N, C-alpha and C. Protein backbone atom coordinates (compact mmCIF):
# COMPACT_ATOMS: atom_id res chain seq x y z
N MET A 1 -0.15 33.97 -69.35
CA MET A 1 -1.01 33.22 -70.07
C MET A 1 -0.84 33.44 -71.39
N SER A 2 -0.74 32.18 -72.28
CA SER A 2 -0.53 32.30 -73.68
C SER A 2 -1.59 32.63 -74.37
N ASP A 3 -1.50 33.14 -75.73
CA ASP A 3 -2.65 33.79 -76.29
C ASP A 3 -3.53 32.50 -76.67
N LYS A 4 -2.79 31.22 -77.06
CA LYS A 4 -3.77 30.18 -77.27
C LYS A 4 -4.55 29.70 -76.19
N LEU A 5 -4.03 29.65 -74.93
CA LEU A 5 -4.80 29.37 -73.66
C LEU A 5 -5.99 30.36 -73.64
N LYS A 6 -5.87 31.68 -73.62
CA LYS A 6 -6.96 32.60 -73.64
C LYS A 6 -7.80 32.39 -74.56
N GLU A 7 -7.55 32.00 -75.80
CA GLU A 7 -8.51 31.63 -76.96
C GLU A 7 -9.65 30.49 -76.50
N ILE A 8 -8.46 29.31 -75.92
CA ILE A 8 -9.47 28.14 -75.62
C ILE A 8 -10.55 28.35 -74.53
N ILE A 9 -9.89 29.20 -73.66
CA ILE A 9 -10.84 29.52 -72.33
C ILE A 9 -12.03 30.53 -72.95
N ASN A 10 -11.84 31.50 -73.60
CA ASN A 10 -12.86 32.33 -74.38
C ASN A 10 -13.81 31.29 -75.07
N LYS A 11 -13.34 30.44 -75.88
CA LYS A 11 -14.52 29.51 -76.60
C LYS A 11 -15.13 28.63 -75.67
N GLN A 12 -14.48 28.22 -74.52
CA GLN A 12 -15.20 27.35 -73.58
C GLN A 12 -16.36 28.48 -72.80
N VAL A 13 -15.79 29.53 -72.50
CA VAL A 13 -16.99 30.58 -71.70
C VAL A 13 -18.15 30.72 -72.70
N GLU A 14 -17.81 30.94 -74.17
CA GLU A 14 -18.97 31.18 -75.10
C GLU A 14 -19.63 29.99 -75.29
N LYS A 15 -19.23 28.76 -75.23
CA LYS A 15 -20.04 27.57 -75.37
C LYS A 15 -20.89 27.44 -74.09
N ASN A 16 -20.45 27.61 -72.99
CA ASN A 16 -21.13 27.63 -71.62
C ASN A 16 -22.49 28.51 -71.80
N ASP A 17 -22.00 29.53 -72.21
CA ASP A 17 -23.25 30.84 -72.28
C ASP A 17 -24.19 30.37 -73.43
N ASN A 18 -23.78 29.70 -74.41
CA ASN A 18 -24.93 29.18 -75.47
C ASN A 18 -25.83 28.18 -74.68
N ILE A 19 -25.09 27.29 -74.02
CA ILE A 19 -25.92 26.09 -73.32
C ILE A 19 -26.77 26.69 -72.31
N VAL A 20 -26.67 27.75 -71.57
CA VAL A 20 -27.36 28.65 -70.49
C VAL A 20 -28.46 29.19 -71.37
N ASP A 21 -28.28 29.81 -72.46
CA ASP A 21 -29.21 30.38 -73.32
C ASP A 21 -30.28 29.48 -73.81
N GLN A 22 -29.74 28.28 -74.15
CA GLN A 22 -30.71 27.28 -74.69
C GLN A 22 -31.42 26.69 -73.63
N LEU A 23 -30.97 26.20 -72.39
CA LEU A 23 -31.57 26.21 -71.16
C LEU A 23 -32.81 27.06 -70.94
N ASP A 24 -32.54 28.19 -71.04
CA ASP A 24 -33.62 29.16 -70.61
C ASP A 24 -34.75 29.28 -71.71
N ASP A 25 -34.43 28.93 -72.78
CA ASP A 25 -35.35 28.66 -73.79
C ASP A 25 -36.48 27.52 -73.72
N VAL A 26 -35.99 26.50 -72.87
CA VAL A 26 -36.92 25.27 -72.59
C VAL A 26 -37.50 25.34 -71.29
N VAL A 27 -38.69 24.64 -71.45
CA VAL A 27 -39.63 24.52 -70.17
C VAL A 27 -39.52 22.98 -69.84
N GLN A 28 -39.11 22.73 -68.69
CA GLN A 28 -38.94 21.26 -68.21
C GLN A 28 -40.44 20.91 -67.20
N LEU A 29 -41.13 19.85 -67.57
CA LEU A 29 -42.26 19.58 -67.17
C LEU A 29 -42.31 18.11 -66.62
N VAL A 30 -43.29 17.57 -66.07
CA VAL A 30 -43.53 16.08 -65.67
C VAL A 30 -44.88 16.03 -66.34
N GLY A 31 -45.13 15.04 -67.01
CA GLY A 31 -46.28 14.66 -67.53
C GLY A 31 -47.05 13.67 -66.97
N PHE A 32 -48.31 13.60 -66.86
CA PHE A 32 -48.95 12.47 -66.52
C PHE A 32 -50.41 12.59 -67.11
N VAL A 33 -51.19 11.36 -66.91
CA VAL A 33 -52.53 11.13 -67.55
C VAL A 33 -53.62 11.17 -66.56
N ILE A 34 -54.61 11.84 -66.89
CA ILE A 34 -55.98 11.89 -65.93
C ILE A 34 -56.96 11.51 -67.05
N GLY A 35 -57.60 10.46 -67.01
CA GLY A 35 -58.62 9.90 -68.11
C GLY A 35 -57.85 9.59 -69.29
N ASP A 36 -58.41 10.46 -70.39
CA ASP A 36 -57.81 10.24 -71.68
C ASP A 36 -56.79 11.31 -71.97
N GLU A 37 -56.65 12.42 -71.23
CA GLU A 37 -55.73 13.63 -71.42
C GLU A 37 -54.39 13.49 -70.61
N GLU A 38 -53.47 14.26 -71.27
CA GLU A 38 -52.31 14.29 -70.92
C GLU A 38 -52.25 15.71 -70.24
N TYR A 39 -51.65 15.88 -68.93
CA TYR A 39 -51.32 17.06 -68.26
C TYR A 39 -49.82 17.22 -67.78
N ALA A 40 -49.46 18.34 -67.42
CA ALA A 40 -48.04 18.54 -67.25
C ALA A 40 -47.98 19.74 -65.98
N VAL A 41 -46.99 19.59 -65.19
CA VAL A 41 -46.61 20.67 -64.09
C VAL A 41 -45.14 20.99 -64.31
N PRO A 42 -44.75 22.19 -63.93
CA PRO A 42 -43.32 22.29 -63.82
C PRO A 42 -42.59 21.33 -63.01
N ILE A 43 -41.55 20.68 -63.40
CA ILE A 43 -40.67 19.93 -62.74
C ILE A 43 -40.14 20.34 -61.33
N LEU A 44 -39.92 21.50 -61.19
CA LEU A 44 -39.51 22.05 -59.99
C LEU A 44 -40.37 22.23 -59.11
N SER A 45 -41.76 22.11 -59.17
CA SER A 45 -42.98 22.06 -58.31
C SER A 45 -43.20 20.55 -57.74
N ILE A 46 -42.40 19.71 -58.23
CA ILE A 46 -42.77 18.25 -57.70
C ILE A 46 -41.78 17.96 -56.40
N GLN A 47 -42.36 17.54 -55.42
CA GLN A 47 -41.53 17.19 -54.34
C GLN A 47 -41.17 15.80 -54.48
N GLU A 48 -42.10 14.89 -54.85
CA GLU A 48 -41.98 13.51 -55.12
C GLU A 48 -43.10 12.91 -55.61
N ILE A 49 -42.57 11.69 -56.46
CA ILE A 49 -43.63 10.79 -57.01
C ILE A 49 -43.58 9.27 -56.25
N ILE A 50 -44.80 9.13 -55.69
CA ILE A 50 -44.84 7.83 -54.99
C ILE A 50 -46.10 6.71 -55.27
N LYS A 51 -45.58 5.56 -55.04
CA LYS A 51 -46.73 4.56 -55.28
C LYS A 51 -47.84 4.77 -54.33
N PRO A 52 -48.91 4.45 -54.50
CA PRO A 52 -50.26 4.79 -53.60
C PRO A 52 -49.93 3.87 -52.30
N PHE A 53 -50.32 4.42 -51.25
CA PHE A 53 -50.58 3.80 -49.89
C PHE A 53 -51.65 4.25 -49.21
N PRO A 54 -51.88 3.58 -47.94
CA PRO A 54 -53.20 4.10 -47.22
C PRO A 54 -53.07 5.66 -47.04
N TRP A 55 -54.32 6.05 -46.60
CA TRP A 55 -54.49 7.30 -46.22
C TRP A 55 -55.71 7.37 -45.47
N THR A 56 -55.92 8.52 -44.59
CA THR A 56 -56.97 8.58 -43.80
C THR A 56 -58.05 9.66 -44.28
N ARG A 57 -59.46 8.99 -44.37
CA ARG A 57 -60.56 9.81 -44.75
C ARG A 57 -60.55 11.00 -43.88
N VAL A 58 -61.28 11.99 -44.29
CA VAL A 58 -61.59 13.40 -43.67
C VAL A 58 -63.02 13.69 -43.68
N PRO A 59 -63.72 13.82 -42.78
CA PRO A 59 -65.13 14.27 -43.08
C PRO A 59 -65.49 15.68 -43.51
N GLN A 60 -66.53 15.97 -44.16
CA GLN A 60 -66.99 17.01 -44.63
C GLN A 60 -65.75 17.97 -45.45
N VAL A 61 -65.51 17.28 -46.63
CA VAL A 61 -64.77 17.99 -47.58
C VAL A 61 -65.15 17.26 -48.72
N PRO A 62 -64.97 18.10 -49.92
CA PRO A 62 -65.49 17.92 -51.10
C PRO A 62 -65.14 16.26 -51.70
N LYS A 63 -65.76 15.72 -52.54
CA LYS A 63 -65.59 14.36 -52.69
C LYS A 63 -64.42 14.03 -53.38
N TYR A 64 -63.72 14.99 -54.15
CA TYR A 64 -62.31 15.01 -54.80
C TYR A 64 -61.14 14.87 -53.79
N VAL A 65 -61.64 15.40 -52.55
CA VAL A 65 -60.40 15.37 -51.58
C VAL A 65 -60.73 13.96 -50.92
N LEU A 66 -59.69 13.07 -51.10
CA LEU A 66 -59.82 11.52 -50.52
C LEU A 66 -59.63 11.71 -49.00
N GLY A 67 -58.61 12.60 -48.41
CA GLY A 67 -58.48 12.44 -47.11
C GLY A 67 -56.81 12.92 -46.99
N VAL A 68 -56.17 12.56 -45.97
CA VAL A 68 -54.93 12.76 -45.79
C VAL A 68 -53.97 11.68 -45.44
N PHE A 69 -52.60 11.99 -45.84
CA PHE A 69 -51.56 10.91 -45.55
C PHE A 69 -50.42 11.45 -44.98
N ASN A 70 -49.77 10.69 -44.34
CA ASN A 70 -48.53 11.15 -43.40
C ASN A 70 -47.43 10.67 -44.36
N LEU A 71 -46.60 11.71 -44.74
CA LEU A 71 -45.38 11.61 -45.45
C LEU A 71 -44.07 11.95 -44.79
N ARG A 72 -43.42 11.22 -43.97
CA ARG A 72 -42.30 11.43 -43.13
C ARG A 72 -42.64 12.61 -42.20
N GLY A 73 -43.69 12.39 -41.45
CA GLY A 73 -44.15 13.25 -40.46
C GLY A 73 -44.98 14.54 -41.00
N SER A 74 -45.43 14.74 -41.99
CA SER A 74 -46.27 15.88 -42.54
C SER A 74 -47.49 15.41 -42.91
N VAL A 75 -48.45 15.96 -42.41
CA VAL A 75 -49.92 15.50 -42.86
C VAL A 75 -50.23 16.30 -44.04
N ILE A 76 -50.42 15.45 -45.19
CA ILE A 76 -50.68 16.22 -46.26
C ILE A 76 -52.11 15.78 -47.15
N PRO A 77 -52.83 16.69 -47.45
CA PRO A 77 -54.14 16.31 -48.18
C PRO A 77 -53.84 15.59 -49.56
N LEU A 78 -54.74 14.60 -49.88
CA LEU A 78 -54.87 13.93 -51.00
C LEU A 78 -56.05 14.01 -51.86
N ILE A 79 -55.78 14.57 -52.90
CA ILE A 79 -56.75 15.12 -53.88
C ILE A 79 -56.76 13.98 -55.18
N ASP A 80 -57.90 13.72 -55.55
CA ASP A 80 -58.12 12.81 -56.89
C ASP A 80 -58.42 13.63 -57.86
N LEU A 81 -57.40 13.74 -59.01
CA LEU A 81 -57.61 14.83 -59.96
C LEU A 81 -58.73 14.29 -61.06
N ARG A 82 -58.84 12.97 -60.93
CA ARG A 82 -60.17 12.64 -61.78
C ARG A 82 -61.57 13.14 -61.38
N LEU A 83 -61.59 13.15 -59.97
CA LEU A 83 -62.67 13.43 -59.53
C LEU A 83 -62.86 15.13 -59.59
N LYS A 84 -61.77 15.82 -59.40
CA LYS A 84 -61.59 17.25 -59.38
C LYS A 84 -61.93 17.70 -60.86
N PHE A 85 -61.37 16.97 -61.73
CA PHE A 85 -61.74 17.41 -63.29
C PHE A 85 -63.16 16.66 -63.72
N GLY A 86 -63.99 16.25 -62.76
CA GLY A 86 -65.43 15.89 -63.16
C GLY A 86 -65.34 14.54 -63.95
N LEU A 87 -64.38 13.65 -63.75
CA LEU A 87 -64.29 12.45 -64.40
C LEU A 87 -64.77 11.42 -63.49
N PRO A 88 -65.40 10.22 -63.96
CA PRO A 88 -65.96 9.14 -62.79
C PRO A 88 -64.81 8.69 -62.24
N PRO A 89 -64.99 8.07 -60.66
CA PRO A 89 -63.93 7.36 -60.12
C PRO A 89 -63.15 5.96 -60.97
N LYS A 90 -62.07 5.86 -60.51
CA LYS A 90 -61.40 4.82 -61.21
C LYS A 90 -60.61 3.95 -60.14
N ARG A 91 -60.85 2.72 -60.26
CA ARG A 91 -59.95 1.99 -59.35
C ARG A 91 -58.56 1.99 -59.43
N GLN A 92 -57.62 2.02 -58.47
CA GLN A 92 -56.35 2.09 -58.59
C GLN A 92 -55.73 0.79 -59.35
N SER A 93 -54.75 1.22 -60.15
CA SER A 93 -53.91 0.17 -60.84
C SER A 93 -52.54 0.25 -60.54
N ASP A 94 -51.71 -0.68 -61.20
CA ASP A 94 -50.33 -0.71 -61.02
C ASP A 94 -49.84 0.62 -61.27
N ASP A 95 -50.47 1.28 -62.56
CA ASP A 95 -49.92 2.67 -63.00
C ASP A 95 -50.21 3.94 -62.07
N THR A 96 -51.14 3.77 -61.05
CA THR A 96 -51.66 4.77 -60.37
C THR A 96 -50.39 5.23 -59.37
N ARG A 97 -50.38 6.71 -59.43
CA ARG A 97 -49.39 7.28 -58.60
C ARG A 97 -49.95 8.36 -57.77
N PHE A 98 -49.35 8.78 -56.62
CA PHE A 98 -49.44 10.04 -55.80
C PHE A 98 -48.32 10.88 -56.36
N ILE A 99 -48.56 12.07 -56.72
CA ILE A 99 -47.67 13.01 -56.98
C ILE A 99 -47.71 14.15 -56.08
N VAL A 100 -46.51 14.26 -55.11
CA VAL A 100 -46.84 15.44 -54.22
C VAL A 100 -46.19 16.83 -54.72
N ILE A 101 -46.91 17.88 -54.88
CA ILE A 101 -46.41 18.88 -55.38
C ILE A 101 -46.41 20.00 -54.27
N ARG A 102 -45.51 20.82 -54.41
CA ARG A 102 -45.10 21.84 -53.38
C ARG A 102 -44.80 23.31 -54.01
N ASP A 103 -45.39 24.35 -53.37
CA ASP A 103 -45.18 25.84 -53.79
C ASP A 103 -45.18 26.24 -52.65
N GLY A 104 -43.94 26.92 -52.33
CA GLY A 104 -43.59 27.73 -50.88
C GLY A 104 -44.17 26.58 -49.75
N ASP A 105 -44.79 27.02 -48.76
CA ASP A 105 -45.44 26.08 -47.66
C ASP A 105 -46.75 25.38 -48.23
N ASP A 106 -47.22 25.62 -49.56
CA ASP A 106 -48.37 24.86 -49.71
C ASP A 106 -48.05 23.33 -50.31
N VAL A 107 -48.61 22.54 -49.93
CA VAL A 107 -48.30 21.01 -50.45
C VAL A 107 -49.47 20.20 -50.34
N ALA A 108 -49.47 19.65 -51.34
CA ALA A 108 -50.78 18.50 -51.50
C ALA A 108 -50.25 17.26 -52.28
N GLY A 109 -50.82 16.18 -52.26
CA GLY A 109 -50.56 14.96 -52.90
C GLY A 109 -51.87 14.91 -53.89
N PHE A 110 -51.52 14.32 -55.08
CA PHE A 110 -52.59 14.30 -56.05
C PHE A 110 -52.54 12.86 -56.62
N VAL A 111 -53.65 12.32 -56.89
CA VAL A 111 -53.71 10.84 -57.43
C VAL A 111 -53.99 10.99 -58.94
N ILE A 112 -53.16 10.49 -59.60
CA ILE A 112 -52.89 10.47 -61.06
C ILE A 112 -53.00 9.02 -61.47
N ASP A 113 -53.79 8.77 -62.85
CA ASP A 113 -53.85 7.58 -63.47
C ASP A 113 -52.43 6.98 -64.04
N ARG A 114 -51.61 7.68 -64.53
CA ARG A 114 -50.49 7.27 -65.17
C ARG A 114 -49.45 8.31 -65.17
N LEU A 115 -48.16 8.19 -64.77
CA LEU A 115 -47.10 8.99 -65.10
C LEU A 115 -46.71 8.81 -66.47
N THR A 116 -46.20 9.85 -67.37
CA THR A 116 -46.04 9.64 -68.56
C THR A 116 -44.14 9.67 -68.65
N MET A 117 -43.75 11.03 -68.45
CA MET A 117 -42.32 11.30 -68.69
C MET A 117 -41.98 12.71 -68.41
N ALA A 118 -40.85 12.86 -68.14
CA ALA A 118 -40.13 14.24 -68.10
C ALA A 118 -40.18 14.84 -69.54
N ILE A 119 -40.68 16.08 -69.52
CA ILE A 119 -40.79 16.67 -70.85
C ILE A 119 -40.16 17.99 -71.01
N ARG A 120 -39.48 18.15 -72.12
CA ARG A 120 -38.85 19.37 -72.36
C ARG A 120 -39.46 20.15 -73.56
N ILE A 121 -40.14 21.23 -73.50
CA ILE A 121 -40.68 21.99 -74.58
C ILE A 121 -40.21 23.32 -74.66
N LYS A 122 -39.74 23.76 -75.79
CA LYS A 122 -39.22 25.15 -76.11
C LYS A 122 -40.24 26.00 -75.77
N LYS A 123 -39.89 27.15 -75.16
CA LYS A 123 -40.82 28.29 -74.61
C LYS A 123 -41.92 28.61 -76.03
N GLU A 124 -41.21 28.64 -77.12
CA GLU A 124 -41.78 29.14 -78.41
C GLU A 124 -43.12 28.04 -78.72
N ASN A 125 -43.08 26.81 -78.09
CA ASN A 125 -43.91 25.81 -78.45
C ASN A 125 -45.12 25.80 -77.35
N VAL A 126 -45.12 26.66 -76.44
CA VAL A 126 -45.79 26.76 -75.30
C VAL A 126 -46.91 28.05 -75.45
N GLY A 127 -48.38 27.72 -75.65
CA GLY A 127 -49.06 28.71 -76.06
C GLY A 127 -50.06 29.02 -74.89
N PRO A 128 -50.66 30.15 -75.13
CA PRO A 128 -51.53 30.54 -73.83
C PRO A 128 -52.77 29.43 -73.72
N PRO A 129 -53.76 29.42 -72.50
CA PRO A 129 -54.76 28.71 -72.48
C PRO A 129 -55.70 29.05 -73.63
N PRO A 130 -56.48 28.07 -73.93
CA PRO A 130 -57.68 28.07 -74.90
C PRO A 130 -58.48 29.31 -74.41
N ASP A 131 -59.18 29.82 -75.45
CA ASP A 131 -60.10 30.97 -75.20
C ASP A 131 -61.38 30.73 -74.44
N THR A 132 -61.63 29.10 -74.49
CA THR A 132 -62.84 28.94 -73.74
C THR A 132 -62.75 28.64 -72.25
N VAL A 133 -61.66 29.09 -71.78
CA VAL A 133 -61.43 29.01 -70.27
C VAL A 133 -61.35 30.47 -69.67
N ASN A 134 -61.88 30.42 -68.41
CA ASN A 134 -61.96 31.91 -67.91
C ASN A 134 -60.63 32.65 -67.15
N GLY A 135 -59.95 33.37 -68.04
CA GLY A 135 -58.99 34.31 -67.59
C GLY A 135 -57.96 33.68 -66.53
N ASP A 136 -57.98 34.50 -65.31
CA ASP A 136 -57.15 34.21 -64.34
C ASP A 136 -57.73 32.98 -63.32
N ASP A 137 -58.88 32.98 -63.43
CA ASP A 137 -59.45 31.98 -62.67
C ASP A 137 -59.32 30.36 -63.05
N THR A 138 -58.61 30.16 -64.23
CA THR A 138 -58.44 28.90 -64.65
C THR A 138 -57.36 28.21 -64.02
N ILE A 139 -57.51 26.85 -64.21
CA ILE A 139 -56.45 25.96 -63.66
C ILE A 139 -55.22 25.74 -64.65
N ILE A 140 -55.65 26.13 -65.92
CA ILE A 140 -54.73 26.09 -67.10
C ILE A 140 -53.70 27.05 -67.17
N ASP A 141 -52.55 26.74 -67.42
CA ASP A 141 -51.43 27.84 -67.37
C ASP A 141 -51.18 28.01 -68.89
N GLY A 142 -51.23 26.87 -69.77
CA GLY A 142 -50.95 27.00 -71.05
C GLY A 142 -50.82 25.62 -71.78
N VAL A 143 -50.77 25.70 -73.15
CA VAL A 143 -50.93 24.43 -73.78
C VAL A 143 -49.48 24.07 -74.52
N GLY A 144 -48.93 23.20 -74.28
CA GLY A 144 -47.70 22.76 -74.87
C GLY A 144 -47.87 21.80 -76.02
N LYS A 145 -47.23 22.21 -77.15
CA LYS A 145 -47.40 21.62 -78.35
C LYS A 145 -45.98 20.88 -78.77
N GLN A 146 -46.32 19.29 -79.11
CA GLN A 146 -45.22 18.61 -79.30
C GLN A 146 -45.72 17.97 -80.62
N GLU A 147 -44.76 17.49 -81.36
CA GLU A 147 -45.12 16.78 -82.78
C GLU A 147 -46.30 16.36 -82.96
N ASP A 148 -46.69 15.20 -82.07
CA ASP A 148 -47.95 14.54 -82.13
C ASP A 148 -48.98 14.63 -81.23
N LYS A 149 -48.68 15.42 -80.23
CA LYS A 149 -49.80 15.69 -79.22
C LYS A 149 -49.70 17.33 -78.63
N ILE A 150 -50.69 17.50 -77.80
CA ILE A 150 -50.86 18.73 -77.30
C ILE A 150 -51.23 18.29 -75.62
N ILE A 151 -50.24 19.07 -74.76
CA ILE A 151 -50.29 18.59 -73.39
C ILE A 151 -50.84 20.11 -72.55
N THR A 152 -51.62 19.83 -71.77
CA THR A 152 -52.13 21.09 -71.02
C THR A 152 -51.35 21.19 -69.79
N ILE A 153 -50.68 22.13 -69.65
CA ILE A 153 -49.89 22.73 -68.56
C ILE A 153 -50.85 23.35 -67.45
N LEU A 154 -50.73 22.77 -66.35
CA LEU A 154 -51.60 23.42 -65.17
C LEU A 154 -50.76 24.18 -64.17
N LYS A 155 -51.63 25.21 -63.63
CA LYS A 155 -51.05 26.09 -62.64
C LYS A 155 -50.90 25.48 -61.43
N VAL A 156 -49.67 25.41 -60.78
CA VAL A 156 -49.43 24.86 -59.54
C VAL A 156 -50.30 25.69 -58.50
N LYS A 157 -50.08 26.97 -58.46
CA LYS A 157 -50.93 27.67 -57.36
C LYS A 157 -52.32 27.48 -57.36
N LYS A 158 -52.99 27.15 -58.32
CA LYS A 158 -54.54 26.77 -58.52
C LYS A 158 -54.73 25.49 -58.23
N LEU A 159 -53.76 24.54 -58.46
CA LEU A 159 -53.78 23.13 -58.07
C LEU A 159 -53.93 23.12 -56.50
N LEU A 160 -52.94 23.89 -55.80
CA LEU A 160 -52.73 23.91 -54.42
C LEU A 160 -53.84 24.69 -53.72
N GLN A 161 -54.34 25.62 -54.40
CA GLN A 161 -55.19 26.62 -53.72
C GLN A 161 -56.49 25.77 -53.00
N ARG A 162 -56.67 25.98 -51.74
CA ARG A 162 -57.58 25.22 -50.83
C ARG A 162 -59.13 25.84 -51.23
N ASP A 163 -59.93 25.21 -51.49
CA ASP A 163 -61.37 25.51 -51.62
C ASP A 163 -62.27 24.44 -50.61
N PHE A 164 -61.64 23.92 -49.74
CA PHE A 164 -62.36 23.27 -48.87
C PHE A 164 -61.90 23.40 -47.30
């Protein structure tokens, strides 16, 4: 192999390593709105995002658990994040979505007011949860800072934790 070819291959390998390093410095999230606040979860935790469709009510569960729905043969609990976060109920609109989140075997659907966008934030722009929240028991994983706004990043394990 010629020296020129080796040099080109080495440059390409260095370039690819730099791209991988840059990707490791970025957190990829999906943003959504509940009430007036924007939240986000890691993009890899999302199984799918769908338009609302009928669900079945389940008795003797907290008010924020709307019921269950059938998604390709799997029965999945449906949780209204407005109610879970202590906000008043809101009628579904054209912007309302069900966001299905999975962590291992745990899966649930969440009603969100509006989907925003896929978000890429450098790890250096993600801070810890505010001091006002209770340590490990909080649902907040961190706070992402963008030029014009702050996005609350939620813990997937806490969202999926069953307390019903």
